[in-house]
Protein backbone atom coordinates (compact mmCIF):
# COMPACT_ATOMS: atom_id res chain seq x y z
CA UNK A 1 17.24 -2.87 -10.88
CA UNK A 2 17.81 -2.14 -7.23
CA UNK A 3 14.90 -2.71 -4.90
CA UNK A 4 14.50 -4.00 -1.38
CA UNK A 5 11.02 -5.01 -0.27
CA UNK A 6 10.81 -6.16 3.33
CA UNK A 7 8.07 -6.82 5.82
CA UNK A 8 8.63 -4.21 8.49
CA UNK A 9 5.72 -4.90 10.85
CA UNK A 10 2.73 -7.12 11.48
CA UNK A 11 -0.36 -6.52 13.58
CA UNK A 12 -1.99 -9.93 13.80
CA UNK A 13 -4.16 -10.34 10.73
CA UNK A 14 -5.14 -6.65 10.69
CA UNK A 15 -2.24 -5.39 8.60
CA UNK A 16 1.30 -5.89 7.44
CA UNK A 17 3.76 -3.18 6.43
CA UNK A 18 5.96 -3.55 3.37
CA UNK A 19 8.90 -1.16 3.34
CA UNK A 20 10.21 -0.40 -0.15
CA UNK A 21 13.65 1.02 -0.74
CA UNK A 22 15.15 1.64 -4.15
CA UNK A 23 13.85 1.70 -7.68
CA UNK A 24 10.39 0.53 -8.69
CA UNK A 25 10.94 -0.18 -12.37
CA UNK A 26 9.57 -3.15 -14.37
CA UNK A 27 11.52 -5.75 -12.40
CA UNK A 28 11.11 -3.99 -9.07
CA UNK A 29 7.42 -3.49 -9.76
CA UNK A 30 6.95 -7.22 -10.27
CA UNK A 31 8.80 -7.96 -7.02
CA UNK A 32 6.60 -5.44 -5.18
CA UNK A 33 3.33 -6.65 -6.77
CA UNK A 34 4.14 -10.27 -5.90
CA UNK A 35 4.95 -9.34 -2.29
CA UNK A 36 1.71 -7.35 -1.95
CA UNK A 37 -0.38 -10.15 -3.47
CA UNK A 38 1.19 -12.80 -1.24
CA UNK A 39 0.70 -10.84 1.97
CA UNK A 40 -2.77 -9.54 1.04
CA UNK A 41 -4.15 -13.08 1.16
CA UNK A 42 -3.86 -13.17 4.95
CA UNK A 43 -4.15 -9.52 6.03
CA UNK A 44 -7.06 -7.10 6.23
CA UNK A 45 -4.76 -4.37 4.93
CA UNK A 46 -1.30 -3.98 3.44
CA UNK A 47 0.52 -0.72 4.10
CA UNK A 48 3.21 -0.10 1.48
CA UNK A 49 5.76 2.45 2.65
CA UNK A 50 7.16 4.18 -0.45
CA UNK A 51 9.04 6.84 1.53
CA UNK A 52 12.48 5.64 0.37
CA UNK A 53 11.64 4.93 -3.26
CA UNK A 54 14.15 6.72 -5.50
CA UNK A 55 12.50 5.86 -8.82
CA UNK A 56 8.90 5.04 -9.69
CA UNK A 57 9.05 4.24 -13.40
CA UNK A 58 6.01 3.86 -15.63
CA UNK A 59 6.50 0.08 -15.82
CA UNK A 60 6.76 -0.17 -12.03
CA UNK A 61 3.69 2.00 -11.60
CA UNK A 62 1.84 -0.25 -14.05
CA UNK A 63 2.76 -3.33 -11.97
CA UNK A 64 1.48 -1.60 -8.83
CA UNK A 65 -1.69 -0.54 -10.63
CA UNK A 66 -2.33 -4.16 -11.68
CA UNK A 67 -2.45 -5.38 -8.07
CA UNK A 68 -6.09 -6.15 -7.43
CA UNK A 69 -7.72 -3.79 -4.97
CA UNK A 70 -10.22 -5.89 -3.03
CA UNK A 71 -13.90 -5.18 -2.85
CA UNK A 72 -15.39 -4.27 0.53
CA UNK A 73 -14.96 -7.06 3.01
CA UNK A 74 -12.13 -8.80 1.16
CA UNK A 75 -8.67 -9.26 2.60
CA UNK A 76 -5.75 -7.12 1.54
CA UNK A 77 -6.87 -3.49 1.19
CA UNK A 78 -3.84 -1.55 -0.03
CA UNK A 79 -2.65 1.69 1.59
CA UNK A 80 0.37 3.68 0.42
CA UNK A 81 2.67 5.87 2.50
CA UNK A 82 4.16 8.71 0.45
CA UNK A 83 5.32 11.94 2.08
CA UNK A 84 4.22 14.91 -0.06
CA UNK A 85 7.83 15.72 -0.93
CA UNK A 86 8.61 12.17 -2.12
CA UNK A 87 9.12 11.11 -5.72
CA UNK A 88 6.37 8.50 -5.31
CA UNK A 89 3.85 11.16 -4.27
CA UNK A 90 4.85 13.40 -7.18
CA UNK A 91 4.45 10.55 -9.69
CA UNK A 92 1.11 9.40 -8.25
CA UNK A 93 -0.29 12.94 -8.53
CA UNK A 94 1.15 13.50 -12.03
CA UNK A 95 -0.41 10.27 -13.30
CA UNK A 96 -3.62 10.94 -11.39
CA UNK A 97 -3.34 7.61 -9.61
CA UNK A 98 -3.28 9.24 -6.16
CA UNK A 99 -7.00 8.44 -5.83
CA UNK A 100 -6.60 4.77 -6.81
CA UNK A 101 -5.49 3.84 -3.28
CA UNK A 102 -5.60 5.53 0.09
CA UNK A 103 -2.36 7.57 0.18
CA UNK A 104 -1.05 8.72 3.56
CA UNK A 105 1.57 11.37 4.29
CA UNK A 106 3.29 9.23 6.92
CA UNK A 107 3.29 5.81 8.52
CA UNK A 108 1.45 6.93 11.67
CA UNK A 109 -1.46 8.29 9.63
CA UNK A 110 -1.73 5.04 7.65
CA UNK A 111 -1.79 2.94 10.82
CA UNK A 112 -4.40 5.22 12.42
CA UNK A 113 -6.69 4.88 9.40
CA UNK A 114 -6.25 1.12 9.12
CA UNK A 115 -6.72 0.55 12.85
CA UNK A 116 -9.80 2.79 13.05
CA UNK A 117 -11.34 0.97 10.08
CA UNK A 118 -10.56 -2.41 11.67
CA UNK A 119 -12.11 -1.29 14.96
CA UNK A 120 -15.31 -0.18 13.24
CA UNK A 121 -15.49 -3.46 11.30
CA UNK A 122 -15.04 -5.48 14.48
CA UNK A 123 -17.69 -3.44 16.32
CA UNK A 124 -20.38 -3.75 13.64
CA UNK A 125 -19.37 -7.13 12.27
CA UNK A 126 -18.46 -6.05 8.76
CA UNK A 127 -16.60 -3.57 6.63
CA UNK A 128 -17.06 0.11 7.30
CA UNK A 129 -18.20 2.01 4.24
CA UNK A 130 -17.63 5.77 4.65
CA UNK A 131 -20.62 7.94 3.79
């Protein structure tokens, strides 16, 4: 197992960014899931940057899939960053899990979506539900 999960950025309590580098196998998946769960308790969103993931094994994907996705209004909405050419993007599409979470082609797109959602929530006093 070779994985590095680090907090790359914070934006108050709006979001945190977890940068993942290495292999997301069974052990790495547990490390990642624990980091997401811990940070999601205090953030409106968690952006997980999978750009530098070299392996996304079935066991690691299972660990990621087991992370609870909050209901509207709960803390910790999960967003993934996976460039279309990345192994993570390929695996998510092949397993049809690309619709399980919001998947963004780059970090800037993920931040734009999270910040626009946060702005709408702050303006209307609750979660924005797209129609």
